[in-house]
Protein backbone atom coordinates (compact mmCIF):
# COMPACT_ATOMS: atom_id res chain seq x y z
CA MET A 1 146.80 104.45 112.70
CA PRO A 2 144.43 102.51 114.97
CA VAL A 3 141.04 104.10 115.64
CA ILE A 4 139.69 103.62 119.16
CA TYR A 5 136.32 104.67 120.57
CA VAL A 6 136.38 105.32 124.32
CA ASP A 7 133.24 105.35 126.46
CA VAL A 8 132.87 107.74 129.42
CA ASP A 9 130.93 106.24 132.33
CA ASP A 10 132.69 103.43 134.15
CA THR A 11 135.46 103.58 131.56
CA PHE A 12 137.41 106.71 132.53
CA ILE A 13 134.97 108.21 135.06
CA ARG A 14 133.21 106.34 137.84
CA SER A 15 130.13 107.74 139.55
CA PHE A 16 129.22 107.25 143.20
CA GLY A 17 125.86 108.93 143.65
CA SER A 18 126.38 112.53 142.58
CA LYS A 19 130.17 112.32 142.94
CA ARG A 20 132.22 111.59 139.80
CA MET A 21 135.78 110.35 140.10
CA PRO A 22 138.39 109.80 137.39
CA MET A 23 139.61 106.24 136.93
CA GLY A 24 143.31 107.03 137.15
CA HIS A 25 144.73 104.15 135.15
CA MET A 26 142.24 104.63 132.32
CA VAL A 27 142.91 108.38 132.17
CA SER A 28 146.63 107.59 131.91
CA LEU A 29 146.00 104.87 129.34
CA VAL A 30 143.93 107.19 127.12
CA ARG A 31 146.73 109.75 127.21
CA ALA A 32 149.34 107.04 126.44
CA LEU A 33 147.27 105.71 123.53
CA LYS A 34 147.16 109.21 122.05
CA VAL A 35 150.95 109.56 122.43
CA ALA A 36 151.37 106.14 120.81
CA GLY A 37 149.54 107.39 117.71
CA ALA A 38 145.98 106.11 118.17
CA GLU A 39 143.11 108.20 116.80
CA LEU A 40 140.68 108.44 119.72
CA TYR A 41 136.98 109.26 119.74
CA CYS A 42 135.07 109.82 122.97
CA TRP A 43 131.47 108.69 122.97
CA SER A 44 128.66 108.28 125.43
CA SER A 45 125.01 107.33 125.51
CA GLY A 46 124.71 110.65 127.38
CA GLY A 47 125.49 112.48 124.13
CA ALA A 48 128.34 114.38 122.54
CA ALA A 49 128.22 117.38 124.89
CA TYR A 50 128.32 115.06 127.91
CA ALA A 51 131.28 113.18 126.41
CA ARG A 52 133.15 116.45 125.81
CA SER A 53 132.48 117.85 129.29
CA SER A 54 133.46 114.55 130.92
CA ALA A 55 136.76 114.48 129.03
CA ALA A 56 137.34 118.09 130.10
CA ASP A 57 136.63 117.17 133.73
CA VAL A 58 139.61 114.77 133.71
CA GLY A 59 141.89 116.75 131.39
CA LEU A 60 141.56 114.55 128.30
CA THR A 61 139.90 116.91 125.82
CA ASP A 62 143.07 117.25 123.74
CA CYS A 63 143.34 113.46 123.33
CA PHE A 64 140.16 113.06 121.29
CA THR A 65 139.52 113.80 117.63
CA ALA A 66 135.78 114.20 118.24
CA PHE A 67 133.02 113.69 120.81
CA LEU A 68 130.02 111.62 119.78
CA PRO A 69 126.79 110.17 121.09
CA LYS A 70 126.57 106.37 121.00
CA PRO A 71 124.51 105.30 118.00
CA HIS A 72 121.09 103.68 118.14
CA LEU A 73 121.38 102.20 114.66
CA LEU A 74 124.19 101.38 112.25
CA LEU A 75 123.56 101.56 108.53
CA ASP A 76 126.36 99.58 106.95
CA ASP A 77 126.69 97.00 104.19
CA VAL A 78 128.98 94.86 106.38
CA GLN A 79 127.57 93.05 109.42
CA VAL A 80 129.16 94.10 112.73
CA GLY A 81 130.07 90.47 113.42
CA SER A 82 132.46 90.49 110.48
CA TRP A 83 134.18 93.77 111.41
CA LYS A 84 137.76 93.61 112.58
CA LEU A 85 136.62 95.03 115.90
CA GLY A 86 137.88 94.17 119.35
CA GLN A 87 136.55 95.18 122.74
CA LEU A 88 138.34 95.53 126.05
CA HIS A 89 136.59 96.12 129.35
CA PRO A 90 138.33 98.76 131.53
CA SER A 91 139.10 96.06 134.11
CA GLU A 92 141.02 94.14 131.43
CA CYS A 93 143.18 97.24 130.84
CA SER A 94 144.18 97.84 134.45
CA SER A 95 147.59 96.23 134.00
CA LEU A 96 148.12 96.89 130.29
CA THR A 97 150.36 99.47 128.69
CA ALA A 98 149.31 101.43 125.61
CA ASP A 99 151.56 99.21 123.49
CA GLU A 100 149.86 96.07 124.85
CA VAL A 101 146.41 97.52 124.16
CA LEU A 102 147.42 98.41 120.62
CA ALA A 103 148.93 94.93 120.12
CA SER A 104 145.58 93.40 121.10
CA ILE A 105 144.04 94.93 117.97
CA GLY A 106 145.72 92.35 115.76
CA ARG A 107 144.47 89.28 117.60
């Protein structure tokens, strides 16, 4: 089962001043990734409570296993550069299906 961490701001919610708007395709993609079997974690530099309330604002709470703050430090015996870790910008996902996103993990 692929594990995917999903950021909040400018990933599935965009802010314009004090107004916050869901990014429709990303909200749909998160839901489709969950249906496709991905284990999803929502995280934000705003903290775990902010991540949870943001997911609730767009109806995605049930898609995530947990809500986390973004870390400031990783303690790990393996350097991040050698992790099997990919990254996609939300703009790269605008035309991708959940299956295509999951297929990108193996590249």
